[in-house]
Amino acid sequence: MIEENLKVEKEIRERFNPSKEICGFVMFDNELIQIKNISNSAIVHYVMDPVEQIHAMEKGPVKIIWHTHPNNAAIPSYIDKSNAKKNMLYLIYSGLNDDFRLWFYDGDKFIEKEW
């Protein structure tokens, strides 16, 4: 598990963009897929391109939804909560603190999990 986590972290760091949030999926085979962020305010939140999202989900089940916070901590924002899917894992990378945190959304609140 640790090796897979390190691989995911390395790939997200390599793709990191300090001027906008990037996002995507970690599939159950641990493939990292980046989905285009089509938000008009990409520096503060993400909106996944629906066509790319469907193509990615056709590859298999999604294990984790990931995104970056270029200038904030790896804590879910109000916008993250309003867009969250119940019973889903969310991995957030903070460019500000250079850290990753994993969260589970239970439909009401985010619960931090071990990453």
C-alpha atoms as a PDB file:
ATOM      1  CA  MET A   1       0.000   0.000   0.000  1.00  0.00           C
ATOM      2  CA  ILE A   2       2.792   2.419   0.851  1.00  0.00           C
ATOM      3  CA  GLU A   3       4.483   1.901  -2.536  1.00  0.00           C
ATOM      4  CA  GLU A   4       1.209   2.607  -4.367  1.00  0.00           C
ATOM      5  CA  ASN A   5       0.652   5.754  -2.287  1.00  0.00           C
ATOM      6  CA  LEU A   6       4.160   7.008  -3.038  1.00  0.00           C
ATOM      7  CA  LYS A   7       3.619   6.403  -6.762  1.00  0.00           C
ATOM      8  CA  VAL A   8       0.354   8.395  -6.681  1.00  0.00           C
ATOM      9  CA  GLU A   9       2.003  11.214  -4.702  1.00  0.00           C
ATOM     10  CA  LYS A  10       4.909  11.372  -7.161  1.00  0.00           C
ATOM     11  CA  GLU A  11       2.571  11.568 -10.160  1.00  0.00           C
ATOM     12  CA  ILE A  12       0.425  14.302  -8.601  1.00  0.00           C
ATOM     13  CA  ARG A  13       3.488  16.345  -7.630  1.00  0.00           C
ATOM     14  CA  GLU A  14       4.829  16.040 -11.194  1.00  0.00           C
ATOM     15  CA  ARG A  15       1.528  17.358 -12.598  1.00  0.00           C
ATOM     16  CA  PHE A  16       1.024  20.057  -9.960  1.00  0.00           C
ATOM     17  CA  ASN A  17       0.144  23.503 -11.285  1.00  0.00           C
ATOM     18  CA  PRO A  18       0.490  26.413  -8.809  1.00  0.00           C
ATOM     19  CA  SER A  19      -1.953  28.559 -10.799  1.00  0.00           C
ATOM     20  CA  LYS A  20      -4.976  26.198 -10.739  1.00  0.00           C
ATOM     21  CA  GLU A  21      -6.461  23.146  -9.095  1.00  0.00           C
ATOM     22  CA  ILE A  22      -5.975  19.911 -10.987  1.00  0.00           C
ATOM     23  CA  CYS A  23      -8.111  16.854 -10.424  1.00  0.00           C
ATOM     24  CA  GLY A  24      -8.841  13.298 -11.371  1.00  0.00           C
ATOM     25  CA  PHE A  25      -9.275   9.731 -10.215  1.00  0.00           C
ATOM     26  CA  VAL A  26      -7.200   6.979  -8.691  1.00  0.00           C
ATOM     27  CA  MET A  27      -8.608   3.762 -10.096  1.00  0.00           C
ATOM     28  CA  PHE A  28      -8.721   0.451  -8.215  1.00  0.00           C
ATOM     29  CA  ASP A  29      -5.673  -0.726 -10.174  1.00  0.00           C
ATOM     30  CA  ASN A  30      -3.911   2.424  -8.804  1.00  0.00           C
ATOM     31  CA  GLU A  31      -3.788   4.112 -12.212  1.00  0.00           C
ATOM     32  CA  LEU A  32      -3.824   7.870 -11.768  1.00  0.00           C
ATOM     33  CA  ILE A  33      -6.043   9.636 -14.297  1.00  0.00           C
ATOM     34  CA  GLN A  34      -6.066  13.405 -14.616  1.00  0.00           C
ATOM     35  CA  ILE A  35      -9.357  14.976 -15.702  1.00  0.00           C
ATOM     36  CA  LYS A  36      -9.455  18.448 -17.251  1.00  0.00           C
ATOM     37  CA  ASN A  37     -10.616  21.135 -14.801  1.00  0.00           C
ATOM     38  CA  ILE A  38     -13.230  23.219 -16.642  1.00  0.00           C
ATOM     39  CA  SER A  39     -13.982  25.596 -13.750  1.00  0.00           C
ATOM     40  CA  ASN A  40     -14.053  29.306 -14.504  1.00  0.00           C
ATOM     41  CA  SER A  41     -12.361  29.787 -11.108  1.00  0.00           C
ATOM     42  CA  ALA A  42      -9.805  26.987 -11.339  1.00  0.00           C
ATOM     43  CA  ILE A  43      -7.461  28.614  -8.816  1.00  0.00           C
ATOM     44  CA  VAL A  44      -9.989  27.967  -6.025  1.00  0.00           C
ATOM     45  CA  HIS A  45     -12.005  24.922  -7.102  1.00  0.00           C
ATOM     46  CA  TYR A  46     -12.393  22.250  -9.699  1.00  0.00           C
ATOM     47  CA  VAL A  47     -15.126  21.046 -12.024  1.00  0.00           C
ATOM     48  CA  MET A  48     -14.292  17.848 -13.857  1.00  0.00           C
ATOM     49  CA  ASP A  49     -14.896  17.764 -17.591  1.00  0.00           C
ATOM     50  CA  PRO A  50     -17.905  15.414 -17.841  1.00  0.00           C
ATOM     51  CA  VAL A  51     -16.794  13.761 -21.100  1.00  0.00           C
ATOM     52  CA  GLU A  52     -13.324  12.984 -19.716  1.00  0.00           C
ATOM     53  CA  GLN A  53     -14.933  11.807 -16.483  1.00  0.00           C
ATOM     54  CA  ILE A  54     -17.130   9.295 -18.334  1.00  0.00           C
ATOM     55  CA  HIS A  55     -14.186   8.022 -20.405  1.00  0.00           C
ATOM     56  CA  ALA A  56     -12.157   7.495 -17.224  1.00  0.00           C
ATOM     57  CA  MET A  57     -14.998   5.666 -15.468  1.00  0.00           C
ATOM     58  CA  GLU A  58     -15.339   3.333 -18.452  1.00  0.00           C
ATOM     59  CA  LYS A  59     -11.880   1.992 -17.535  1.00  0.00           C
ATOM     60  CA  GLY A  60     -13.180   0.606 -14.235  1.00  0.00           C
ATOM     61  CA  PRO A  61     -14.227   1.566 -10.741  1.00  0.00           C
ATOM     62  CA  VAL A  62     -12.910   4.732  -9.116  1.00  0.00           C
ATOM     63  CA  LYS A  63     -11.136   4.239  -5.785  1.00  0.00           C
ATOM     64  CA  ILE A  64     -10.334   7.876  -4.942  1.00  0.00           C
ATOM     65  CA  ILE A  65     -11.195  11.311  -6.308  1.00  0.00           C
ATOM     66  CA  TRP A  66      -8.138  13.553  -6.043  1.00  0.00           C
ATOM     67  CA  HIS A  67      -7.481  17.228  -6.470  1.00  0.00           C
ATOM     68  CA  THR A  68      -4.992  19.882  -5.473  1.00  0.00           C
ATOM     69  CA  HIS A  69      -5.166  23.016  -3.363  1.00  0.00           C
ATOM     70  CA  PRO A  70      -2.396  25.206  -4.800  1.00  0.00           C
ATOM     71  CA  ASN A  71      -2.518  27.834  -2.037  1.00  0.00           C
ATOM     72  CA  ASN A  72      -4.409  26.186   0.822  1.00  0.00           C
ATOM     73  CA  ALA A  73      -4.127  23.301   3.253  1.00  0.00           C
ATOM     74  CA  ALA A  74      -5.177  19.773   2.237  1.00  0.00           C
ATOM     75  CA  ILE A  75      -8.484  20.179   4.056  1.00  0.00           C
ATOM     76  CA  PRO A  76     -11.831  19.960   2.214  1.00  0.00           C
ATOM     77  CA  SER A  77     -13.277  23.388   1.493  1.00  0.00           C
ATOM     78  CA  TYR A  78     -16.914  24.411   1.652  1.00  0.00           C
ATOM     79  CA  ILE A  79     -17.061  23.988  -2.142  1.00  0.00           C
ATOM     80  CA  ASP A  80     -15.483  20.524  -1.855  1.00  0.00           C
ATOM     81  CA  LYS A  81     -18.223  19.518   0.591  1.00  0.00           C
ATOM     82  CA  SER A  82     -21.019  20.906  -1.579  1.00  0.00           C
ATOM     83  CA  ASN A  83     -19.777  18.825  -4.538  1.00  0.00           C
ATOM     84  CA  ALA A  84     -18.799  15.669  -2.637  1.00  0.00           C
ATOM     85  CA  LYS A  85     -20.278  12.259  -3.366  1.00  0.00           C
ATOM     86  CA  LYS A  86     -21.455  10.183  -0.407  1.00  0.00           C
ATOM     87  CA  ASN A  87     -19.253   7.229   0.602  1.00  0.00           C
ATOM     88  CA  MET A  88     -16.330   8.398  -1.525  1.00  0.00           C
ATOM     89  CA  LEU A  89     -12.658   8.868  -0.690  1.00  0.00           C
ATOM     90  CA  TYR A  90     -10.985  12.190  -1.506  1.00  0.00           C
ATOM     91  CA  LEU A  91      -7.253  12.764  -1.677  1.00  0.00           C
ATOM     92  CA  ILE A  92      -6.169  16.399  -1.469  1.00  0.00           C
ATOM     93  CA  TYR A  93      -2.660  17.641  -2.148  1.00  0.00           C
ATOM     94  CA  SER A  94      -1.635  20.993  -0.678  1.00  0.00           C
ATOM     95  CA  GLY A  95       0.931  22.846  -2.736  1.00  0.00           C
ATOM     96  CA  LEU A  96       1.215  25.315   0.144  1.00  0.00           C
ATOM     97  CA  ASN A  97       2.299  22.661   2.658  1.00  0.00           C
ATOM     98  CA  ASP A  98       3.480  19.947   0.244  1.00  0.00           C
ATOM     99  CA  ASP A  99       1.355  17.303   1.933  1.00  0.00           C
ATOM    100  CA  PHE A 100      -1.385  14.814   1.114  1.00  0.00           C
ATOM    101  CA  ARG A 101      -4.446  14.064   3.229  1.00  0.00           C
ATOM    102  CA  LEU A 102      -7.125  11.459   2.609  1.00  0.00           C
ATOM    103  CA  TRP A 103     -10.771  12.066   3.502  1.00  0.00           C
ATOM    104  CA  PHE A 104     -13.936   9.957   3.490  1.00  0.00           C
ATOM    105  CA  TYR A 105     -17.235  11.765   2.897  1.00  0.00           C
ATOM    106  CA  ASP A 106     -20.120  10.119   4.780  1.00  0.00           C
ATOM    107  CA  GLY A 107     -22.805  12.332   3.253  1.00  0.00           C
ATOM    108  CA  ASP A 108     -22.647  14.805   6.127  1.00  0.00           C
ATOM    109  CA  LYS A 109     -19.012  15.439   6.926  1.00  0.00           C
ATOM    110  CA  PHE A 110     -15.469  14.587   5.892  1.00  0.00           C
ATOM    111  CA  ILE A 111     -13.596  12.137   8.097  1.00  0.00           C
ATOM    112  CA  GLU A 112      -9.827  12.017   7.795  1.00  0.00           C
ATOM    113  CA  LYS A 113      -8.369   8.588   7.014  1.00  0.00           C
ATOM    114  CA  GLU A 114      -4.858   7.242   7.110  1.00  0.00           C
ATOM    115  CA  TRP A 115      -3.004   7.765   3.862  1.00  0.00           C
END
